[in-house]
PDB file of N, CA and C in Angstrom:
ATOM      1  N   MET A   1      -5.670   5.038   6.414  1.00  0.00           N
ATOM      2  CA  MET A   1      -4.953   3.861   5.966  1.00  0.00           C
ATOM      3  C   MET A   1      -4.179   3.308   7.178  1.00  0.00           C
ATOM      4  N   TYR A   2      -4.089   1.958   7.166  1.00  0.00           N
ATOM      5  CA  TYR A   2      -3.364   1.319   8.245  1.00  0.00           C
ATOM      6  C   TYR A   2      -2.465   0.182   7.738  1.00  0.00           C
ATOM      7  N   PRO A   3      -1.367  -0.135   8.445  1.00  0.00           N
ATOM      8  CA  PRO A   3      -0.539  -1.142   8.002  1.00  0.00           C
ATOM      9  C   PRO A   3      -1.107  -2.525   8.164  1.00  0.00           C
ATOM     10  N   CYS A   4      -0.859  -3.408   7.251  1.00  0.00           N
ATOM     11  CA  CYS A   4      -1.331  -4.764   7.401  1.00  0.00           C
ATOM     12  C   CYS A   4      -0.143  -5.686   7.046  1.00  0.00           C
ATOM     13  N   ILE A   5       0.080  -6.666   7.919  1.00  0.00           N
ATOM     14  CA  ILE A   5       1.176  -7.639   7.712  1.00  0.00           C
ATOM     15  C   ILE A   5       0.476  -9.018   7.325  1.00  0.00           C
ATOM     16  N   SER A   6       1.064  -9.596   6.259  1.00  0.00           N
ATOM     17  CA  SER A   6       0.563 -10.859   5.789  1.00  0.00           C
ATOM     18  C   SER A   6       1.697 -11.862   5.647  1.00  0.00           C
ATOM     19  N   GLY A   7       1.404 -13.102   5.884  1.00  0.00           N
ATOM     20  CA  GLY A   7       2.527 -14.137   5.771  1.00  0.00           C
ATOM     21  C   GLY A   7       2.036 -15.361   4.898  1.00  0.00           C
ATOM     22  N   PHE A   8       3.010 -15.837   4.169  1.00  0.00           N
ATOM     23  CA  PHE A   8       2.747 -16.937   3.252  1.00  0.00           C
ATOM     24  C   PHE A   8       3.888 -17.943   3.422  1.00  0.00           C
ATOM     25  N   LEU A   9       3.614 -19.221   3.081  1.00  0.00           N
ATOM     26  CA  LEU A   9       4.690 -20.186   3.120  1.00  0.00           C
ATOM     27  C   LEU A   9       5.836 -19.823   2.210  1.00  0.00           C
ATOM     28  N   ALA A  10       7.017 -20.052   2.635  1.00  0.00           N
ATOM     29  CA  ALA A  10       8.235 -19.659   1.848  1.00  0.00           C
ATOM     30  C   ALA A  10       8.239 -20.356   0.528  1.00  0.00           C
ATOM     31  N   ASP A  11       7.827 -21.649   0.487  1.00  0.00           N
ATOM     32  CA  ASP A  11       7.762 -22.381  -0.792  1.00  0.00           C
ATOM     33  C   ASP A  11       6.308 -22.477  -1.203  1.00  0.00           C
ATOM     34  N   SER A  12       5.833 -21.417  -1.896  1.00  0.00           N
ATOM     35  CA  SER A  12       4.375 -21.333  -2.139  1.00  0.00           C
ATOM     36  C   SER A  12       3.933 -22.062  -3.422  1.00  0.00           C
ATOM     37  N   SER A  13       4.745 -22.982  -3.920  1.00  0.00           N
ATOM     38  CA  SER A  13       4.428 -23.604  -5.207  1.00  0.00           C
ATOM     39  C   SER A  13       3.180 -24.530  -5.021  1.00  0.00           C
ATOM     40  N   GLU A  14       2.974 -25.016  -3.834  1.00  0.00           N
ATOM     41  CA  GLU A  14       1.805 -25.966  -3.623  1.00  0.00           C
ATOM     42  C   GLU A  14       0.694 -25.269  -2.888  1.00  0.00           C
ATOM     43  N   ASP A  15       1.007 -24.290  -2.066  1.00  0.00           N
ATOM     44  CA  ASP A  15      -0.015 -23.685  -1.157  1.00  0.00           C
ATOM     45  C   ASP A  15       0.247 -22.129  -1.112  1.00  0.00           C
ATOM     46  N   GLU A  16      -0.538 -21.366  -1.851  1.00  0.00           N
ATOM     47  CA  GLU A  16      -0.389 -19.891  -1.891  1.00  0.00           C
ATOM     48  C   GLU A  16      -1.372 -19.238  -0.987  1.00  0.00           C
ATOM     49  N   SER A  17      -2.011 -19.957  -0.074  1.00  0.00           N
ATOM     50  CA  SER A  17      -3.023 -19.319   0.843  1.00  0.00           C
ATOM     51  C   SER A  17      -2.366 -18.525   1.925  1.00  0.00           C
ATOM     52  N   LEU A  18      -3.039 -17.523   2.388  1.00  0.00           N
ATOM     53  CA  LEU A  18      -2.621 -16.686   3.494  1.00  0.00           C
ATOM     54  C   LEU A  18      -2.517 -17.477   4.773  1.00  0.00           C
ATOM     55  N   LYS A  19      -1.369 -17.453   5.399  1.00  0.00           N
ATOM     56  CA  LYS A  19      -1.145 -18.133   6.685  1.00  0.00           C
ATOM     57  C   LYS A  19      -1.164 -17.296   7.884  1.00  0.00           C
ATOM     58  N   PHE A  20      -0.985 -15.984   7.655  1.00  0.00           N
ATOM     59  CA  PHE A  20      -0.878 -15.060   8.839  1.00  0.00           C
ATOM     60  C   PHE A  20      -1.352 -13.680   8.326  1.00  0.00           C
ATOM     61  N   GLU A  21      -2.112 -12.967   9.170  1.00  0.00           N
ATOM     62  CA  GLU A  21      -2.485 -11.615   8.851  1.00  0.00           C
ATOM     63  C   GLU A  21      -2.708 -10.857  10.168  1.00  0.00           C
ATOM     64  N   LEU A  22      -2.171  -9.608  10.163  1.00  0.00           N
ATOM     65  CA  LEU A  22      -2.287  -8.779  11.350  1.00  0.00           C
ATOM     66  C   LEU A  22      -2.470  -7.363  10.842  1.00  0.00           C
ATOM     67  N   ASP A  23      -3.559  -6.741  11.225  1.00  0.00           N
ATOM     68  CA  ASP A  23      -3.793  -5.353  11.002  1.00  0.00           C
ATOM     69  C   ASP A  23      -3.241  -4.511  12.136  1.00  0.00           C
ATOM     70  N   LEU A  24      -2.479  -3.523  11.819  1.00  0.00           N
ATOM     71  CA  LEU A  24      -1.872  -2.675  12.902  1.00  0.00           C
ATOM     72  C   LEU A  24      -2.614  -1.330  12.919  1.00  0.00           C
ATOM     73  N   ASP A  25      -2.501  -0.708  14.048  1.00  0.00           N
ATOM     74  CA  ASP A  25      -3.030   0.623  14.190  1.00  0.00           C
ATOM     75  C   ASP A  25      -2.289   1.580  13.313  1.00  0.00           C
ATOM     76  N   GLU A  26      -3.010   2.603  12.750  1.00  0.00           N
ATOM     77  CA  GLU A  26      -2.364   3.606  11.881  1.00  0.00           C
ATOM     78  C   GLU A  26      -1.292   4.439  12.614  1.00  0.00           C
ATOM     79  N   SER A  27      -1.339   4.426  13.859  1.00  0.00           N
ATOM     80  CA  SER A  27      -0.339   5.175  14.598  1.00  0.00           C
ATOM     81  C   SER A  27       1.064   4.604  14.469  1.00  0.00           C
ATOM     82  N   HIS A  28       1.203   3.321  14.011  1.00  0.00           N
ATOM     83  CA  HIS A  28       2.508   2.729  13.803  1.00  0.00           C
ATOM     84  C   HIS A  28       3.190   3.118  12.487  1.00  0.00           C
ATOM     85  N   ILE A  29       2.463   3.721  11.568  1.00  0.00           N
ATOM     86  CA  ILE A  29       2.994   3.993  10.248  1.00  0.00           C
ATOM     87  C   ILE A  29       4.323   4.773  10.326  1.00  0.00           C
ATOM     88  N   GLN A  30       4.383   5.805  11.065  1.00  0.00           N
ATOM     89  CA  GLN A  30       5.582   6.678  11.087  1.00  0.00           C
ATOM     90  C   GLN A  30       6.760   5.907  11.694  1.00  0.00           C
ATOM     91  N   GLU A  31       6.506   5.013  12.590  1.00  0.00           N
ATOM     92  CA  GLU A  31       7.598   4.167  13.143  1.00  0.00           C
ATOM     93  C   GLU A  31       7.994   3.004  12.196  1.00  0.00           C
ATOM     94  N   ILE A  32       7.135   2.572  11.375  1.00  0.00           N
ATOM     95  CA  ILE A  32       7.445   1.462  10.478  1.00  0.00           C
ATOM     96  C   ILE A  32       8.223   1.952   9.224  1.00  0.00           C
ATOM     97  N   LEU A  33       8.026   3.214   8.809  1.00  0.00           N
ATOM     98  CA  LEU A  33       8.703   3.738   7.621  1.00  0.00           C
ATOM     99  C   LEU A  33      10.225   3.564   7.757  1.00  0.00           C
ATOM    100  N   PRO A  34      10.907   4.010   8.799  1.00  0.00           N
ATOM    101  CA  PRO A  34      12.369   3.851   8.838  1.00  0.00           C
ATOM    102  C   PRO A  34      12.799   2.388   8.860  1.00  0.00           C
ATOM    103  N   ILE A  35      12.021   1.495   9.452  1.00  0.00           N
ATOM    104  CA  ILE A  35      12.291   0.127   9.478  1.00  0.00           C
ATOM    105  C   ILE A  35      12.440  -0.416   8.090  1.00  0.00           C
ATOM    106  N   LEU A  36      11.508   0.096   7.211  1.00  0.00           N
ATOM    107  CA  LEU A  36      11.575  -0.331   5.763  1.00  0.00           C
ATOM    108  C   LEU A  36      12.524   0.467   4.959  1.00  0.00           C
ATOM    109  N   GLY A  37      13.141   1.519   5.501  1.00  0.00           N
ATOM    110  CA  GLY A  37      14.009   2.335   4.735  1.00  0.00           C
ATOM    111  C   GLY A  37      13.268   3.297   3.796  1.00  0.00           C
ATOM    112  N   LEU A  38      12.031   3.654   4.235  1.00  0.00           N
ATOM    113  CA  LEU A  38      11.232   4.483   3.409  1.00  0.00           C
ATOM    114  C   LEU A  38      11.077   5.874   4.098  1.00  0.00           C
ATOM    115  N   ARG A  39      10.790   6.898   3.295  1.00  0.00           N
ATOM    116  CA  ARG A  39      10.647   8.277   3.788  1.00  0.00           C
ATOM    117  C   ARG A  39       9.238   8.772   3.915  1.00  0.00           C
ATOM    118  N   SER A  40       8.287   8.170   3.229  1.00  0.00           N
ATOM    119  CA  SER A  40       6.968   8.665   3.171  1.00  0.00           C
ATOM    120  C   SER A  40       5.907   7.597   3.088  1.00  0.00           C
ATOM    121  N   ILE A  41       4.715   7.961   3.495  1.00  0.00           N
ATOM    122  CA  ILE A  41       3.538   7.022   3.449  1.00  0.00           C
ATOM    123  C   ILE A  41       3.294   6.733   1.944  1.00  0.00           C
ATOM    124  N   ASN A  42       3.521   7.716   1.070  1.00  0.00           N
ATOM    125  CA  ASN A  42       3.274   7.475  -0.380  1.00  0.00           C
ATOM    126  C   ASN A  42       4.200   6.370  -0.914  1.00  0.00           C
ATOM    127  N   GLU A  43       5.444   6.350  -0.459  1.00  0.00           N
ATOM    128  CA  GLU A  43       6.333   5.245  -0.819  1.00  0.00           C
ATOM    129  C   GLU A  43       5.818   3.921  -0.355  1.00  0.00           C
ATOM    130  N   MET A  44       5.369   3.904   0.927  1.00  0.00           N
ATOM    131  CA  MET A  44       4.852   2.646   1.442  1.00  0.00           C
ATOM    132  C   MET A  44       3.537   2.161   0.692  1.00  0.00           C
ATOM    133  N   ALA A  45       2.793   3.136   0.315  1.00  0.00           N
ATOM    134  CA  ALA A  45       1.501   2.795  -0.347  1.00  0.00           C
ATOM    135  C   ALA A  45       1.687   2.233  -1.752  1.00  0.00           C
ATOM    136  N   ALA A  46       2.947   2.301  -2.246  1.00  0.00           N
ATOM    137  CA  ALA A  46       3.229   1.862  -3.642  1.00  0.00           C
ATOM    138  C   ALA A  46       3.088   0.325  -3.818  1.00  0.00           C
ATOM    139  N   GLY A  47       2.975  -0.391  -2.717  1.00  0.00           N
ATOM    140  CA  GLY A  47       2.805  -1.883  -2.900  1.00  0.00           C
ATOM    141  C   GLY A  47       3.070  -2.552  -1.497  1.00  0.00           C
ATOM    142  N   GLU A  48       3.270  -3.851  -1.594  1.00  0.00           N
ATOM    143  CA  GLU A  48       3.565  -4.634  -0.371  1.00  0.00           C
ATOM    144  C   GLU A  48       5.062  -4.855  -0.367  1.00  0.00           C
ATOM    145  N   TRP A  49       5.665  -4.793   0.860  1.00  0.00           N
ATOM    146  CA  TRP A  49       7.084  -4.918   0.992  1.00  0.00           C
ATOM    147  C   TRP A  49       7.435  -6.199   1.680  1.00  0.00           C
ATOM    148  N   LEU A  50       8.295  -6.977   1.113  1.00  0.00           N
ATOM    149  CA  LEU A  50       8.839  -8.224   1.750  1.00  0.00           C
ATOM    150  C   LEU A  50       9.748  -7.856   2.866  1.00  0.00           C
ATOM    151  N   LEU A  51       9.457  -8.455   4.035  1.00  0.00           N
ATOM    152  CA  LEU A  51      10.232  -8.081   5.273  1.00  0.00           C
ATOM    153  C   LEU A  51      11.333  -9.064   5.398  1.00  0.00           C
ATOM    154  N   SER A  52      12.499  -8.588   5.811  1.00  0.00           N
ATOM    155  CA  SER A  52      13.604  -9.481   6.136  1.00  0.00           C
ATOM    156  C   SER A  52      13.419  -9.915   7.602  1.00  0.00           C
ATOM    157  N   ASN A  53      14.177 -10.937   8.034  1.00  0.00           N
ATOM    158  CA  ASN A  53      14.019 -11.395   9.414  1.00  0.00           C
ATOM    159  C   ASN A  53      14.361 -10.251  10.383  1.00  0.00           C
ATOM    160  N   GLU A  54      15.306  -9.516  10.009  1.00  0.00           N
ATOM    161  CA  GLU A  54      15.702  -8.344  10.902  1.00  0.00           C
ATOM    162  C   GLU A  54      14.480  -7.347  11.027  1.00  0.00           C
ATOM    163  N   GLN A  55      13.894  -7.086   9.855  1.00  0.00           N
ATOM    164  CA  GLN A  55      12.671  -6.144   9.916  1.00  0.00           C
ATOM    165  C   GLN A  55      11.507  -6.775  10.629  1.00  0.00           C
ATOM    166  N   ILE A  56      11.320  -8.042  10.561  1.00  0.00           N
ATOM    167  CA  ILE A  56      10.259  -8.736  11.276  1.00  0.00           C
ATOM    168  C   ILE A  56      10.465  -8.603  12.787  1.00  0.00           C
ATOM    169  N   MET A  57      11.725  -8.770  13.227  1.00  0.00           N
ATOM    170  CA  MET A  57      12.054  -8.605  14.640  1.00  0.00           C
ATOM    171  C   MET A  57      11.774  -7.202  15.131  1.00  0.00           C
ATOM    172  N   LYS A  58      12.143  -6.209  14.312  1.00  0.00           N
ATOM    173  CA  LYS A  58      11.899  -4.820  14.650  1.00  0.00           C
ATOM    174  C   LYS A  58      10.469  -4.471  14.733  1.00  0.00           C
ATOM    175  N   VAL A  59       9.649  -4.892  13.758  1.00  0.00           N
ATOM    176  CA  VAL A  59       8.240  -4.643  13.745  1.00  0.00           C
ATOM    177  C   VAL A  59       7.587  -5.367  14.944  1.00  0.00           C
ATOM    178  N   SER A  60       8.026  -6.637  15.200  1.00  0.00           N
ATOM    179  CA  SER A  60       7.552  -7.336  16.350  1.00  0.00           C
ATOM    180  C   SER A  60       7.760  -6.616  17.687  1.00  0.00           C
ATOM    181  N   ALA A  61       8.906  -6.067  17.884  1.00  0.00           N
ATOM    182  CA  ALA A  61       9.232  -5.279  19.114  1.00  0.00           C
ATOM    183  C   ALA A  61       8.391  -4.040  19.126  1.00  0.00           C
ATOM    184  N   LEU A  62       8.176  -3.394  17.972  1.00  0.00           N
ATOM    185  CA  LEU A  62       7.390  -2.238  17.873  1.00  0.00           C
ATOM    186  C   LEU A  62       5.910  -2.405  18.343  1.00  0.00           C
ATOM    187  N   VAL A  63       5.366  -3.530  17.849  1.00  0.00           N
ATOM    188  CA  VAL A  63       3.933  -3.782  18.149  1.00  0.00           C
ATOM    189  C   VAL A  63       3.735  -4.584  19.432  1.00  0.00           C
ATOM    190  N   GLY A  64       4.842  -5.057  20.050  1.00  0.00           N
ATOM    191  CA  GLY A  64       4.754  -5.873  21.245  1.00  0.00           C
ATOM    192  C   GLY A  64       4.100  -7.222  21.114  1.00  0.00           C
ATOM    193  N   ARG A  65       4.312  -7.826  19.918  1.00  0.00           N
ATOM    194  CA  ARG A  65       3.750  -9.131  19.659  1.00  0.00           C
ATOM    195  C   ARG A  65       4.693  -9.920  18.773  1.00  0.00           C
ATOM    196  N   PRO A  66       4.894 -11.247  19.077  1.00  0.00           N
ATOM    197  CA  PRO A  66       5.825 -11.991  18.233  1.00  0.00           C
ATOM    198  C   PRO A  66       5.206 -12.240  16.871  1.00  0.00           C
ATOM    199  N   LEU A  67       6.014 -12.156  15.857  1.00  0.00           N
ATOM    200  CA  LEU A  67       5.585 -12.371  14.433  1.00  0.00           C
ATOM    201  C   LEU A  67       6.318 -13.624  13.954  1.00  0.00           C
ATOM    202  N   PRO A  68       5.625 -14.433  13.100  1.00  0.00           N
ATOM    203  CA  PRO A  68       6.316 -15.557  12.594  1.00  0.00           C
ATOM    204  C   PRO A  68       7.597 -15.262  11.767  1.00  0.00           C
ATOM    205  N   THR A  69       8.593 -16.046  11.970  1.00  0.00           N
ATOM    206  CA  THR A  69       9.797 -15.869  11.149  1.00  0.00           C
ATOM    207  C   THR A  69      10.025 -17.029  10.171  1.00  0.00           C
ATOM    208  N   ASP A  70       9.106 -17.996  10.182  1.00  0.00           N
ATOM    209  CA  ASP A  70       9.129 -19.111   9.268  1.00  0.00           C
ATOM    210  C   ASP A  70       8.280 -18.914   8.005  1.00  0.00           C
ATOM    211  N   LEU A  71       7.706 -17.713   7.876  1.00  0.00           N
ATOM    212  CA  LEU A  71       6.900 -17.433   6.735  1.00  0.00           C
ATOM    213  C   LEU A  71       7.481 -16.245   5.922  1.00  0.00           C
ATOM    214  N   GLN A  72       7.149 -16.134   4.684  1.00  0.00           N
ATOM    215  CA  GLN A  72       7.469 -14.862   3.936  1.00  0.00           C
ATOM    216  C   GLN A  72       6.459 -13.850   4.365  1.00  0.00           C
ATOM    217  N   MET A  73       7.023 -12.792   4.992  1.00  0.00           N
ATOM    218  CA  MET A  73       6.144 -11.795   5.577  1.00  0.00           C
ATOM    219  C   MET A  73       6.253 -10.504   4.751  1.00  0.00           C
ATOM    220  N   PHE A  74       4.999  -9.967   4.485  1.00  0.00           N
ATOM    221  CA  PHE A  74       4.902  -8.736   3.703  1.00  0.00           C
ATOM    222  C   PHE A  74       4.147  -7.717   4.564  1.00  0.00           C
ATOM    223  N   ILE A  75       4.436  -6.406   4.276  1.00  0.00           N
ATOM    224  CA  ILE A  75       3.659  -5.374   4.891  1.00  0.00           C
ATOM    225  C   ILE A  75       3.271  -4.387   3.886  1.00  0.00           C
ATOM    226  N   GLY A  76       2.092  -3.825   3.983  1.00  0.00           N
ATOM    227  CA  GLY A  76       1.557  -2.822   3.074  1.00  0.00           C
ATOM    228  C   GLY A  76       0.505  -2.026   3.765  1.00  0.00           C
ATOM    229  N   LEU A  77      -0.056  -1.082   3.037  1.00  0.00           N
ATOM    230  CA  LEU A  77      -1.120  -0.269   3.622  1.00  0.00           C
ATOM    231  C   LEU A  77      -2.504  -0.652   3.001  1.00  0.00           C
ATOM    232  N   GLU A  78      -3.518  -0.613   3.867  1.00  0.00           N
ATOM    233  CA  GLU A  78      -4.836  -0.926   3.437  1.00  0.00           C
ATOM    234  C   GLU A  78      -5.768   0.250   3.799  1.00  0.00           C
ATOM    235  N   ALA A  79      -6.750   0.483   3.013  1.00  0.00           N
ATOM    236  CA  ALA A  79      -7.652   1.620   3.243  1.00  0.00           C
ATOM    237  C   ALA A  79      -8.787   1.164   4.146  1.00  0.00           C
TER     238      ALA A  79
END
């Protein structure tokens, strides 16, 4: 399983299409868990998690790539 970040427009009433997607290496899972306030991969696998702007900045620094802050960003695990 690997983390996947997806982004959607904040006001999705007119456009619910995916605007951003980034698949991360599975090696980042253990570093992402504390950013989300989670303790286990099982907790993370329970669904997609809405990221706050602070969490977006932390994940961005972790992966060494800027992430959009003008979208609703979610992170979850994919198989």
